[in-house]
């Protein structure tokens, strides 16, 4: 059985993943299934590989470039003051990166720590196409994604 990331990539390929913002050269940009911080996204590698170390040469460089491009877009379309990039691949062993906008308005006790350790992702507001659609469209425009 494949892990949740591989399943989301498969759904993106066949057009049945509503959280897809767009196809990037290295994979799929999706909005997080929950929004612990507004604009939380993930980059899902396609083809699916276990870790970034399984990508070589141009494929690795492209993944990293796409990751940074998403961060640039988040800085442009949100009020974020910086972007955190978290690539763990521990629970779901398929390469994906959590791209998390961080805000000046955050509680100072949380602002300097990794979002995944101080925010309850499971309890956060769920993704809603109605609510998140304008953000997703702004990201598509900025990144020139179809």
Protein backbone atom coordinates (compact mmCIF):
# COMPACT_ATOMS: atom_id res chain seq x y z
CA UNK A 1 0.00 0.00 0.00
CA UNK A 2 1.29 3.47 -0.86
CA UNK A 3 1.56 6.26 1.68
CA UNK A 4 -0.68 9.33 1.77
CA UNK A 5 1.76 11.48 -0.25
CA UNK A 6 1.97 8.93 -3.08
CA UNK A 7 -1.84 8.73 -3.02
CA UNK A 8 -2.12 12.53 -3.30
CA UNK A 9 0.31 12.53 -6.24
CA UNK A 10 -1.74 9.82 -7.97
CA UNK A 11 -4.91 11.87 -7.40
CA UNK A 12 -3.20 14.99 -8.76
CA UNK A 13 -2.13 13.14 -11.90
CA UNK A 14 -5.70 12.10 -12.67
CA UNK A 15 -7.23 15.47 -11.72
CA UNK A 16 -9.09 14.30 -8.63
CA UNK A 17 -7.11 16.15 -5.95
CA UNK A 18 -9.00 19.41 -5.18
CA UNK A 19 -6.08 20.80 -3.16
CA UNK A 20 -3.83 21.07 -6.23
CA UNK A 21 -2.65 24.60 -6.91
CA UNK A 22 -0.69 23.50 -9.97
CA UNK A 23 1.91 21.32 -11.63
CA UNK A 24 5.49 22.48 -11.21
CA UNK A 25 8.45 21.00 -13.08
CA UNK A 26 9.42 18.80 -10.11
CA UNK A 27 6.00 17.87 -8.80
CA UNK A 28 2.68 19.16 -7.51
CA UNK A 29 2.04 22.23 -5.42
CA UNK A 30 -0.91 21.65 -3.10
CA UNK A 31 -2.49 23.65 -0.34
CA UNK A 32 -2.34 21.93 3.05
CA UNK A 33 -5.31 19.79 4.04
CA UNK A 34 -5.48 21.99 7.13
CA UNK A 35 -4.34 25.58 7.53
CA UNK A 36 -2.51 26.02 10.85
CA UNK A 37 -1.07 29.18 9.25
CA UNK A 38 -2.71 30.84 6.24
CA UNK A 39 -1.11 29.75 2.99
CA UNK A 40 0.49 26.54 4.27
CA UNK A 41 1.41 24.47 1.20
CA UNK A 42 3.26 21.30 0.27
CA UNK A 43 5.40 20.45 -2.73
CA UNK A 44 4.92 16.77 -3.63
CA UNK A 45 7.69 15.26 -5.79
CA UNK A 46 6.57 13.60 -9.03
CA UNK A 47 7.88 11.08 -9.79
CA UNK A 48 7.52 9.90 -6.21
CA UNK A 49 10.85 9.10 -4.54
CA UNK A 50 11.60 8.36 -0.88
CA UNK A 51 13.89 11.33 -0.12
CA UNK A 52 15.64 14.26 -1.74
CA UNK A 53 18.80 12.18 -1.73
CA UNK A 54 17.12 9.88 -4.26
CA UNK A 55 16.99 12.76 -6.76
CA UNK A 56 20.14 13.34 -8.75
CA UNK A 57 21.55 16.25 -10.74
CA UNK A 58 18.98 18.38 -12.53
CA UNK A 59 16.00 16.66 -10.84
CA UNK A 60 17.34 17.59 -7.40
CA UNK A 61 18.18 21.14 -8.47
CA UNK A 62 14.71 21.55 -9.98
CA UNK A 63 12.97 20.37 -6.81
CA UNK A 64 14.95 22.84 -4.71
CA UNK A 65 14.31 25.65 -7.22
CA UNK A 66 10.57 24.91 -7.23
CA UNK A 67 10.57 24.91 -3.43
CA UNK A 68 12.17 28.37 -3.33
CA UNK A 69 9.82 29.65 -6.05
CA UNK A 70 6.83 28.64 -3.90
CA UNK A 71 8.38 30.57 -1.01
CA UNK A 72 8.79 33.63 -3.24
CA UNK A 73 5.14 33.35 -4.26
CA UNK A 74 4.00 33.05 -0.64
CA UNK A 75 5.96 36.18 0.27
CA UNK A 76 4.30 37.99 -2.63
CA UNK A 77 0.68 36.90 -2.09
CA UNK A 78 0.47 36.76 1.73
CA UNK A 79 1.60 38.99 4.59
CA UNK A 80 4.33 36.50 5.52
CA UNK A 81 7.64 37.87 6.77
CA UNK A 82 9.60 34.66 6.14
CA UNK A 83 9.08 31.12 4.90
CA UNK A 84 9.94 27.84 6.63
CA UNK A 85 10.75 24.75 4.56
CA UNK A 86 10.35 21.38 6.27
CA UNK A 87 11.33 18.19 4.44
CA UNK A 88 11.07 15.27 6.82
CA UNK A 89 9.66 12.25 4.94
CA UNK A 90 9.43 10.29 8.20
CA UNK A 91 5.75 9.47 8.62
CA UNK A 92 5.00 9.43 4.88
CA UNK A 93 8.22 8.25 3.22
CA UNK A 94 7.67 9.97 -0.11
CA UNK A 95 9.48 13.21 -0.85
CA UNK A 96 7.41 16.24 0.03
CA UNK A 97 8.20 19.58 1.59
CA UNK A 98 5.98 21.58 3.92
CA UNK A 99 6.26 25.23 2.88
CA UNK A 100 5.04 27.34 5.75
CA UNK A 101 4.55 31.12 5.71
CA UNK A 102 5.40 32.75 9.02
CA UNK A 103 3.82 36.00 10.16
CA UNK A 104 4.77 38.97 12.35
CA UNK A 105 1.39 38.54 14.07
CA UNK A 106 2.28 35.09 15.48
CA UNK A 107 2.58 34.54 19.22
CA UNK A 108 6.26 35.23 20.03
CA UNK A 109 6.49 31.88 21.85
CA UNK A 110 5.56 30.11 18.59
CA UNK A 111 7.18 32.41 16.03
CA UNK A 112 10.74 31.18 16.53
CA UNK A 113 9.98 27.46 16.64
CA UNK A 114 9.18 25.01 13.82
CA UNK A 115 5.49 25.31 12.96
CA UNK A 116 5.05 21.54 13.10
CA UNK A 117 6.07 21.52 16.75
CA UNK A 118 3.93 24.44 18.00
CA UNK A 119 0.75 24.31 15.92
CA UNK A 120 -1.84 21.54 16.04
CA UNK A 121 -2.22 20.71 12.35
CA UNK A 122 -4.99 18.18 13.04
CA UNK A 123 -7.11 20.78 14.85
CA UNK A 124 -6.44 23.59 12.36
CA UNK A 125 -9.05 24.92 9.97
CA UNK A 126 -9.62 22.38 7.20
CA UNK A 127 -8.91 23.22 3.57
CA UNK A 128 -11.96 24.73 1.89
CA UNK A 129 -12.06 25.39 -1.83
CA UNK A 130 -14.55 28.19 -1.20
CA UNK A 131 -12.37 29.88 1.42
CA UNK A 132 -8.94 29.03 -0.04
CA UNK A 133 -9.78 29.38 -3.75
CA UNK A 134 -8.72 33.04 -4.05
CA UNK A 135 -5.35 32.27 -2.43
CA UNK A 136 -4.85 29.27 -4.73
CA UNK A 137 -5.64 31.41 -7.78
CA UNK A 138 -3.21 34.12 -6.64
CA UNK A 139 -0.49 31.47 -6.30
CA UNK A 140 -1.30 30.12 -9.79
CA UNK A 141 -1.02 33.60 -11.28
CA UNK A 142 2.26 34.38 -9.50
CA UNK A 143 3.84 31.07 -10.45
CA UNK A 144 2.27 31.02 -13.93
CA UNK A 145 0.69 27.60 -13.32
CA UNK A 146 -2.15 26.26 -15.43
